[in-house]
Amino acid sequence: MGNVKELSVDDKGRLQLPKDIRKKLGINGRGKVKVIITAPMPREEFIEYMDGFIKGGDPPVDPLRLKKIGG
C-alpha cells in the first residue's frame, strides 16, 4: 500500500485494521496479513531524522494541484 497508518492497540494487545485498508487488501473476514510494526517516533527525533530530506525554496509543483490530481 505504501501508506503509513497509526493504529490503536486495545487492552488485549489487538489492532483493528480500518475498513478502507481491509477493502484494499481484499480481506473479507478472517485472513492473514504481513505487518511491519514500529514504535511511535517522538516529534523531535522525527525532525532530526528528516533533516536533509527537505530542501528550502518553493516546490517545483503546487501541492494543491497535486492534491486535486490525486483525488
C-alpha atoms as a PDB file:
ATOM      1  CA  MET A   1       0.000   0.000   0.000  1.00  0.00           C
ATOM      2  CA  GLY A   2       2.834   2.341   0.688  1.00  0.00           C
ATOM      3  CA  ASN A   3       0.942   4.261   3.357  1.00  0.00           C
ATOM      4  CA  VAL A   4       1.840   4.666   6.978  1.00  0.00           C
ATOM      5  CA  LYS A   5      -1.070   4.326   9.378  1.00  0.00           C
ATOM      6  CA  GLU A   6      -1.095   4.783  13.110  1.00  0.00           C
ATOM      7  CA  LEU A   7      -3.401   2.254  14.791  1.00  0.00           C
ATOM      8  CA  SER A   8      -4.522   1.943  18.384  1.00  0.00           C
ATOM      9  CA  VAL A   9      -3.824  -1.157  20.430  1.00  0.00           C
ATOM     10  CA  ASP A  10      -6.575  -2.298  22.811  1.00  0.00           C
ATOM     11  CA  ASP A  11      -6.024  -3.606  26.347  1.00  0.00           C
ATOM     12  CA  LYS A  12      -5.638  -7.144  24.977  1.00  0.00           C
ATOM     13  CA  GLY A  13      -2.938  -6.077  22.502  1.00  0.00           C
ATOM     14  CA  ARG A  14      -5.143  -6.247  19.425  1.00  0.00           C
ATOM     15  CA  LEU A  15      -5.089  -3.953  16.399  1.00  0.00           C
ATOM     16  CA  GLN A  16      -8.089  -3.320  14.181  1.00  0.00           C
ATOM     17  CA  LEU A  17      -7.460  -2.604  10.524  1.00  0.00           C
ATOM     18  CA  PRO A  18      -9.703   0.185   9.237  1.00  0.00           C
ATOM     19  CA  LYS A  19     -12.362  -0.840   6.716  1.00  0.00           C
ATOM     20  CA  ASP A  20     -10.689   1.023   3.823  1.00  0.00           C
ATOM     21  CA  ILE A  21      -7.458  -0.931   4.348  1.00  0.00           C
ATOM     22  CA  ARG A  22      -9.272  -4.284   4.612  1.00  0.00           C
ATOM     23  CA  LYS A  23     -11.130  -3.466   1.391  1.00  0.00           C
ATOM     24  CA  LYS A  24      -7.906  -2.547  -0.478  1.00  0.00           C
ATOM     25  CA  LEU A  25      -6.287  -5.801   0.696  1.00  0.00           C
ATOM     26  CA  GLY A  26      -9.341  -7.928  -0.145  1.00  0.00           C
ATOM     27  CA  ILE A  27      -9.845  -9.103   3.446  1.00  0.00           C
ATOM     28  CA  ASN A  28     -13.477 -10.166   3.944  1.00  0.00           C
ATOM     29  CA  GLY A  29     -13.399 -11.580   7.453  1.00  0.00           C
ATOM     30  CA  ARG A  30     -10.591 -13.659   8.828  1.00  0.00           C
ATOM     31  CA  GLY A  31      -7.337 -13.683   6.953  1.00  0.00           C
ATOM     32  CA  LYS A  32      -3.625 -13.168   7.260  1.00  0.00           C
ATOM     33  CA  VAL A  33      -1.550 -10.106   6.508  1.00  0.00           C
ATOM     34  CA  LYS A  34       2.105  -9.196   6.931  1.00  0.00           C
ATOM     35  CA  VAL A  35       2.602  -6.237   9.240  1.00  0.00           C
ATOM     36  CA  ILE A  36       5.632  -4.087   9.945  1.00  0.00           C
ATOM     37  CA  ILE A  37       5.384  -2.591  13.416  1.00  0.00           C
ATOM     38  CA  THR A  38       7.445   0.303  14.714  1.00  0.00           C
ATOM     39  CA  ALA A  39       7.149   2.297  17.894  1.00  0.00           C
ATOM     40  CA  PRO A  40       5.929   5.873  17.522  1.00  0.00           C
ATOM     41  CA  MET A  41       8.784   8.308  16.956  1.00  0.00           C
ATOM     42  CA  PRO A  42       8.909  11.411  19.166  1.00  0.00           C
ATOM     43  CA  ARG A  43       8.454  14.666  17.232  1.00  0.00           C
ATOM     44  CA  GLU A  44      11.984  15.906  17.920  1.00  0.00           C
ATOM     45  CA  GLU A  45      13.507  12.616  16.789  1.00  0.00           C
ATOM     46  CA  PHE A  46      11.422  12.678  13.591  1.00  0.00           C
ATOM     47  CA  ILE A  47      12.553  16.226  12.799  1.00  0.00           C
ATOM     48  CA  GLU A  48      16.184  15.240  13.326  1.00  0.00           C
ATOM     49  CA  TYR A  49      15.720  12.096  11.200  1.00  0.00           C
ATOM     50  CA  MET A  50      14.153  14.090   8.328  1.00  0.00           C
ATOM     51  CA  ASP A  51      16.817  16.817   8.407  1.00  0.00           C
ATOM     52  CA  GLY A  52      18.350  16.992   4.953  1.00  0.00           C
ATOM     53  CA  PHE A  53      15.450  15.283   3.149  1.00  0.00           C
ATOM     54  CA  ILE A  54      13.523  18.517   2.731  1.00  0.00           C
ATOM     55  CA  LYS A  55      15.220  21.337   0.876  1.00  0.00           C
ATOM     56  CA  GLY A  56      14.362  25.008   1.130  1.00  0.00           C
ATOM     57  CA  GLY A  57      12.674  27.018  -1.569  1.00  0.00           C
ATOM     58  CA  ASP A  58       9.446  26.626  -3.462  1.00  0.00           C
ATOM     59  CA  PRO A  59       8.294  23.157  -4.540  1.00  0.00           C
ATOM     60  CA  PRO A  60       8.539  22.523  -8.306  1.00  0.00           C
ATOM     61  CA  VAL A  61       4.801  21.678  -8.407  1.00  0.00           C
ATOM     62  CA  ASP A  62       1.979  23.345  -6.492  1.00  0.00           C
ATOM     63  CA  PRO A  63       0.962  20.930  -3.667  1.00  0.00           C
ATOM     64  CA  LEU A  64      -2.718  21.903  -4.020  1.00  0.00           C
ATOM     65  CA  ARG A  65      -2.597  20.983  -7.725  1.00  0.00           C
ATOM     66  CA  LEU A  66      -1.133  17.575  -6.817  1.00  0.00           C
ATOM     67  CA  LYS A  67      -3.919  17.049  -4.286  1.00  0.00           C
ATOM     68  CA  LYS A  68      -6.554  17.721  -6.973  1.00  0.00           C
ATOM     69  CA  ILE A  69      -4.834  15.344  -9.404  1.00  0.00           C
ATOM     70  CA  GLY A  70      -4.578  12.603  -6.768  1.00  0.00           C
ATOM     71  CA  GLY A  71      -8.274  12.812  -5.998  1.00  0.00           C
END
